[in-house]
């Protein structure tokens, strides 16, 4: 009986925003990170002269 009284007296802290706002914040953060990753999609080909072998460089 004592445990039931203690369990019912728990303090519940409410969230400062509704849960959907936390989901939207996470979606925005992952979207921003996706844009950053997408911006690096062709970095290796921008400096092709640095990665080419000697035989390929002689032709260009």
PDB file of N, CA and C in Angstrom:
ATOM      1  N   UNK A   1       0.819  -1.193   0.000  1.00  0.00           N
ATOM      2  CA  UNK A   1       0.000   0.000   0.000  1.00  0.00           C
ATOM      3  C   UNK A   1       0.862   1.256   0.000  1.00  0.00           C
ATOM      4  N   UNK A   2       1.971   1.233   0.698  1.00  0.00           N
ATOM      5  CA  UNK A   2       2.849   2.396   0.759  1.00  0.00           C
ATOM      6  C   UNK A   2       3.465   2.655  -0.605  1.00  0.00           C
ATOM      7  N   UNK A   3       3.849   1.599  -1.335  1.00  0.00           N
ATOM      8  CA  UNK A   3       4.440   1.785  -2.660  1.00  0.00           C
ATOM      9  C   UNK A   3       3.462   2.439  -3.624  1.00  0.00           C
ATOM     10  N   UNK A   4       2.195   2.104  -3.522  1.00  0.00           N
ATOM     11  CA  UNK A   4       1.191   2.680  -4.412  1.00  0.00           C
ATOM     12  C   UNK A   4       1.044   4.176  -4.162  1.00  0.00           C
ATOM     13  N   UNK A   5       1.145   4.582  -2.924  1.00  0.00           N
ATOM     14  CA  UNK A   5       1.040   6.009  -2.603  1.00  0.00           C
ATOM     15  C   UNK A   5       2.260   6.751  -3.122  1.00  0.00           C
ATOM     16  N   UNK A   6       3.423   6.174  -2.969  1.00  0.00           N
ATOM     17  CA  UNK A   6       4.645   6.823  -3.445  1.00  0.00           C
ATOM     18  C   UNK A   6       4.630   6.910  -4.970  1.00  0.00           C
ATOM     19  N   UNK A   7       4.199   5.844  -5.650  1.00  0.00           N
ATOM     20  CA  UNK A   7       4.170   5.831  -7.107  1.00  0.00           C
ATOM     21  C   UNK A   7       3.171   6.852  -7.644  1.00  0.00           C
ATOM     22  N   UNK A   8       2.065   7.041  -6.970  1.00  0.00           N
ATOM     23  CA  UNK A   8       1.081   7.994  -7.475  1.00  0.00           C
ATOM     24  C   UNK A   8       1.487   9.438  -7.203  1.00  0.00           C
ATOM     25  N   UNK A   9       2.455   9.648  -6.344  1.00  0.00           N
ATOM     26  CA  UNK A   9       2.899  11.002  -6.023  1.00  0.00           C
ATOM     27  C   UNK A   9       4.084  11.449  -6.851  1.00  0.00           C
ATOM     28  N   UNK A  10       4.372  10.780  -7.955  1.00  0.00           N
ATOM     29  CA  UNK A  10       5.503  11.166  -8.789  1.00  0.00           C
ATOM     30  C   UNK A  10       5.274  12.538  -9.406  1.00  0.00           C
ATOM     31  N   UNK A  11       6.343  13.272  -9.544  1.00  0.00           N
ATOM     32  CA  UNK A  11       6.278  14.580 -10.182  1.00  0.00           C
ATOM     33  C   UNK A  11       6.568  14.396 -11.669  1.00  0.00           C
ATOM     34  N   UNK A  12       5.683  14.879 -12.506  1.00  0.00           N
ATOM     35  CA  UNK A  12       5.836  14.755 -13.950  1.00  0.00           C
ATOM     36  C   UNK A  12       6.121  16.145 -14.506  1.00  0.00           C
ATOM     37  N   UNK A  13       7.261  16.277 -15.152  1.00  0.00           N
ATOM     38  CA  UNK A  13       7.611  17.557 -15.768  1.00  0.00           C
ATOM     39  C   UNK A  13       7.077  17.577 -17.193  1.00  0.00           C
ATOM     40  N   UNK A  14       6.335  18.605 -17.486  1.00  0.00           N
ATOM     41  CA  UNK A  14       5.795  18.714 -18.831  1.00  0.00           C
ATOM     42  C   UNK A  14       6.841  19.304 -19.766  1.00  0.00           C
ATOM     43  N   UNK A  15       6.719  18.988 -21.051  1.00  0.00           N
ATOM     44  CA  UNK A  15       7.644  19.511 -22.056  1.00  0.00           C
ATOM     45  C   UNK A  15       7.368  20.989 -22.300  1.00  0.00           C
ATOM     46  N   UNK A  16       8.407  21.720 -22.702  1.00  0.00           N
ATOM     47  CA  UNK A  16       8.214  23.145 -22.962  1.00  0.00           C
ATOM     48  C   UNK A  16       7.528  23.398 -24.300  1.00  0.00           C
ATOM     49  N   UNK A  17       7.599  22.420 -25.213  1.00  0.00           N
ATOM     50  CA  UNK A  17       6.914  22.481 -26.506  1.00  0.00           C
ATOM     51  C   UNK A  17       6.110  21.200 -26.676  1.00  0.00           C
ATOM     52  N   UNK A  18       5.118  21.229 -27.518  1.00  0.00           N
ATOM     53  CA  UNK A  18       4.470  19.959 -27.877  1.00  0.00           C
ATOM     54  C   UNK A  18       5.468  19.060 -28.615  1.00  0.00           C
ATOM     55  N   UNK A  19       5.311  17.761 -28.531  1.00  0.00           N
ATOM     56  CA  UNK A  19       6.283  16.836 -29.141  1.00  0.00           C
ATOM     57  C   UNK A  19       6.500  17.053 -30.640  1.00  0.00           C
ATOM     58  N   UNK A  20       5.512  17.534 -31.353  1.00  0.00           N
ATOM     59  CA  UNK A  20       5.671  17.735 -32.795  1.00  0.00           C
ATOM     60  C   UNK A  20       6.756  18.775 -33.095  1.00  0.00           C
ATOM     61  N   UNK A  21       6.919  19.755 -32.212  1.00  0.00           N
ATOM     62  CA  UNK A  21       7.955  20.758 -32.429  1.00  0.00           C
ATOM     63  C   UNK A  21       9.351  20.158 -32.312  1.00  0.00           C
ATOM     64  N   UNK A  22       9.538  19.204 -31.406  1.00  0.00           N
ATOM     65  CA  UNK A  22      10.829  18.530 -31.311  1.00  0.00           C
ATOM     66  C   UNK A  22      11.117  17.738 -32.588  1.00  0.00           C
ATOM     67  N   UNK A  23      10.091  17.142 -33.149  1.00  0.00           N
ATOM     68  CA  UNK A  23      10.261  16.410 -34.409  1.00  0.00           C
ATOM     69  C   UNK A  23      10.620  17.370 -35.542  1.00  0.00           C
ATOM     70  N   UNK A  24       9.979  18.525 -35.575  1.00  0.00           N
ATOM     71  CA  UNK A  24      10.277  19.501 -36.619  1.00  0.00           C
ATOM     72  C   UNK A  24      11.687  20.073 -36.472  1.00  0.00           C
ATOM     73  N   UNK A  25      12.131  20.282 -35.249  1.00  0.00           N
ATOM     74  CA  UNK A  25      13.499  20.771 -35.017  1.00  0.00           C
ATOM     75  C   UNK A  25      14.510  19.729 -35.494  1.00  0.00           C
ATOM     76  N   UNK A  26      14.272  18.461 -35.164  1.00  0.00           N
ATOM     77  CA  UNK A  26      15.172  17.391 -35.605  1.00  0.00           C
ATOM     78  C   UNK A  26      15.168  17.272 -37.127  1.00  0.00           C
ATOM     79  N   UNK A  27      13.997  17.386 -37.733  1.00  0.00           N
ATOM     80  CA  UNK A  27      13.905  17.322 -39.194  1.00  0.00           C
ATOM     81  C   UNK A  27      14.681  18.473 -39.834  1.00  0.00           C
ATOM     82  N   UNK A  28      14.575  19.649 -39.276  1.00  0.00           N
ATOM     83  CA  UNK A  28      15.323  20.797 -39.792  1.00  0.00           C
ATOM     84  C   UNK A  28      16.827  20.623 -39.639  1.00  0.00           C
ATOM     85  N   UNK A  29      17.250  20.084 -38.492  1.00  0.00           N
ATOM     86  CA  UNK A  29      18.686  19.868 -38.268  1.00  0.00           C
ATOM     87  C   UNK A  29      19.232  18.838 -39.251  1.00  0.00           C
ATOM     88  N   UNK A  30      18.517  17.727 -39.434  1.00  0.00           N
ATOM     89  CA  UNK A  30      18.974  16.718 -40.392  1.00  0.00           C
ATOM     90  C   UNK A  30      18.910  17.243 -41.821  1.00  0.00           C
ATOM     91  N   UNK A  31      17.952  18.083 -42.129  1.00  0.00           N
ATOM     92  CA  UNK A  31      17.882  18.687 -43.452  1.00  0.00           C
ATOM     93  C   UNK A  31      19.075  19.593 -43.712  1.00  0.00           C
ATOM     94  N   UNK A  32      19.453  20.377 -42.704  1.00  0.00           N
ATOM     95  CA  UNK A  32      20.627  21.252 -42.847  1.00  0.00           C
ATOM     96  C   UNK A  32      21.897  20.424 -43.036  1.00  0.00           C
ATOM     97  N   UNK A  33      22.029  19.357 -42.276  1.00  0.00           N
ATOM     98  CA  UNK A  33      23.196  18.488 -42.442  1.00  0.00           C
ATOM     99  C   UNK A  33      23.210  17.814 -43.812  1.00  0.00           C
ATOM    100  N   UNK A  34      22.045  17.456 -44.317  1.00  0.00           N
ATOM    101  CA  UNK A  34      21.964  16.855 -45.652  1.00  0.00           C
ATOM    102  C   UNK A  34      22.415  17.840 -46.723  1.00  0.00           C
ATOM    103  N   UNK A  35      22.071  19.107 -46.567  1.00  0.00           N
ATOM    104  CA  UNK A  35      22.511  20.129 -47.522  1.00  0.00           C
ATOM    105  C   UNK A  35      24.025  20.272 -47.493  1.00  0.00           C
ATOM    106  N   UNK A  36      24.615  20.236 -46.305  1.00  0.00           N
ATOM    107  CA  UNK A  36      26.073  20.331 -46.191  1.00  0.00           C
ATOM    108  C   UNK A  36      26.733  19.137 -46.874  1.00  0.00           C
ATOM    109  N   UNK A  37      26.237  17.944 -46.623  1.00  0.00           N
ATOM    110  CA  UNK A  37      26.810  16.750 -47.254  1.00  0.00           C
ATOM    111  C   UNK A  37      26.632  16.811 -48.761  1.00  0.00           C
ATOM    112  N   UNK A  38      25.481  17.238 -49.228  1.00  0.00           N
ATOM    113  CA  UNK A  38      25.207  17.320 -50.665  1.00  0.00           C
ATOM    114  C   UNK A  38      26.128  18.329 -51.345  1.00  0.00           C
ATOM    115  N   UNK A  39      26.537  19.367 -50.634  1.00  0.00           N
ATOM    116  CA  UNK A  39      27.399  20.381 -51.239  1.00  0.00           C
ATOM    117  C   UNK A  39      28.803  19.849 -51.538  1.00  0.00           C
ATOM    118  N   UNK A  40      29.190  18.742 -50.915  1.00  0.00           N
ATOM    119  CA  UNK A  40      30.504  18.148 -51.148  1.00  0.00           C
ATOM    120  C   UNK A  40      30.463  17.015 -52.173  1.00  0.00           C
ATOM    121  N   UNK A  41      29.399  16.891 -52.954  1.00  0.00           N
ATOM    122  CA  UNK A  41      29.217  15.736 -53.822  1.00  0.00           C
ATOM    123  C   UNK A  41      30.244  15.634 -54.938  1.00  0.00           C
ATOM    124  N   UNK A  42      30.852  16.714 -55.388  1.00  0.00           N
ATOM    125  CA  UNK A  42      31.734  16.661 -56.543  1.00  0.00           C
ATOM    126  C   UNK A  42      33.114  17.266 -56.247  1.00  0.00           C
ATOM    127  N   UNK A  43      33.514  17.262 -54.997  1.00  0.00           N
ATOM    128  CA  UNK A  43      34.774  17.900 -54.624  1.00  0.00           C
ATOM    129  C   UNK A  43      35.971  17.182 -55.248  1.00  0.00           C
ATOM    130  N   UNK A  44      35.929  15.874 -55.342  1.00  0.00           N
ATOM    131  CA  UNK A  44      37.061  15.123 -55.882  1.00  0.00           C
ATOM    132  C   UNK A  44      37.311  15.474 -57.343  1.00  0.00           C
ATOM    133  N   UNK A  45      36.288  15.794 -58.110  1.00  0.00           N
ATOM    134  CA  UNK A  45      36.463  16.090 -59.528  1.00  0.00           C
ATOM    135  C   UNK A  45      36.852  17.542 -59.788  1.00  0.00           C
ATOM    136  N   UNK A  46      36.781  18.382 -58.801  1.00  0.00           N
ATOM    137  CA  UNK A  46      37.158  19.793 -59.009  1.00  0.00           C
ATOM    138  C   UNK A  46      38.661  19.952 -59.190  1.00  0.00           C
ATOM    139  N   UNK A  47      39.416  19.049 -58.589  1.00  0.00           N
ATOM    140  CA  UNK A  47      40.874  19.143 -58.645  1.00  0.00           C
ATOM    141  C   UNK A  47      41.430  17.893 -59.326  1.00  0.00           C
ATOM    142  N   UNK A  48      40.951  17.640 -60.517  1.00  0.00           N
ATOM    143  CA  UNK A  48      41.312  16.424 -61.231  1.00  0.00           C
ATOM    144  C   UNK A  48      42.817  16.385 -61.522  1.00  0.00           C
ATOM    145  N   UNK A  49      43.422  17.540 -61.764  1.00  0.00           N
ATOM    146  CA  UNK A  49      44.848  17.544 -62.088  1.00  0.00           C
ATOM    147  C   UNK A  49      45.701  17.050 -60.922  1.00  0.00           C
ATOM    148  N   UNK A  50      45.220  17.132 -59.711  1.00  0.00           N
ATOM    149  CA  UNK A  50      45.980  16.657 -58.552  1.00  0.00           C
ATOM    150  C   UNK A  50      45.883  15.147 -58.386  1.00  0.00           C
ATOM    151  N   UNK A  51      44.810  14.547 -58.882  1.00  0.00           N
ATOM    152  CA  UNK A  51      44.614  13.117 -58.676  1.00  0.00           C
ATOM    153  C   UNK A  51      44.948  12.286 -59.908  1.00  0.00           C
ATOM    154  N   UNK A  52      45.212  12.899 -61.032  1.00  0.00           N
ATOM    155  CA  UNK A  52      45.527  12.150 -62.249  1.00  0.00           C
ATOM    156  C   UNK A  52      46.920  11.541 -62.169  1.00  0.00           C
ATOM    157  N   UNK A  53      47.056  10.417 -62.849  1.00  0.00           N
ATOM    158  CA  UNK A  53      48.378   9.812 -62.966  1.00  0.00           C
ATOM    159  C   UNK A  53      49.209  10.591 -63.971  1.00  0.00           C
ATOM    160  N   UNK A  54      50.497  10.310 -64.042  1.00  0.00           N
ATOM    161  CA  UNK A  54      51.386  11.038 -64.944  1.00  0.00           C
ATOM    162  C   UNK A  54      51.014  10.812 -66.401  1.00  0.00           C
ATOM    163  N   UNK A  55      50.601   9.614 -66.775  1.00  0.00           N
ATOM    164  CA  UNK A  55      50.272   9.331 -68.167  1.00  0.00           C
ATOM    165  C   UNK A  55      49.013  10.102 -68.602  1.00  0.00           C
ATOM    166  N   UNK A  56      48.055  10.250 -67.700  1.00  0.00           N
ATOM    167  CA  UNK A  56      46.835  10.985 -68.035  1.00  0.00           C
ATOM    168  C   UNK A  56      47.114  12.483 -68.112  1.00  0.00           C
ATOM    169  N   UNK A  57      48.036  12.989 -67.296  1.00  0.00           N
ATOM    170  CA  UNK A  57      48.343  14.417 -67.304  1.00  0.00           C
ATOM    171  C   UNK A  57      49.034  14.818 -68.604  1.00  0.00           C
ATOM    172  N   UNK A  58      49.803  13.933 -69.174  1.00  0.00           N
ATOM    173  CA  UNK A  58      50.537  14.271 -70.378  1.00  0.00           C
ATOM    174  C   UNK A  58      49.605  14.502 -71.566  1.00  0.00           C
ATOM    175  N   UNK A  59      48.445  13.913 -71.549  1.00  0.00           N
ATOM    176  CA  UNK A  59      47.496  14.055 -72.654  1.00  0.00           C
ATOM    177  C   UNK A  59      46.693  15.329 -72.583  1.00  0.00           C
ATOM    178  N   UNK A  60      46.647  15.983 -71.456  1.00  0.00           N
ATOM    179  CA  UNK A  60      45.797  17.173 -71.336  1.00  0.00           C
ATOM    180  C   UNK A  60      46.613  18.401 -71.212  1.00  0.00           C
TER     181      UNK A  60
END
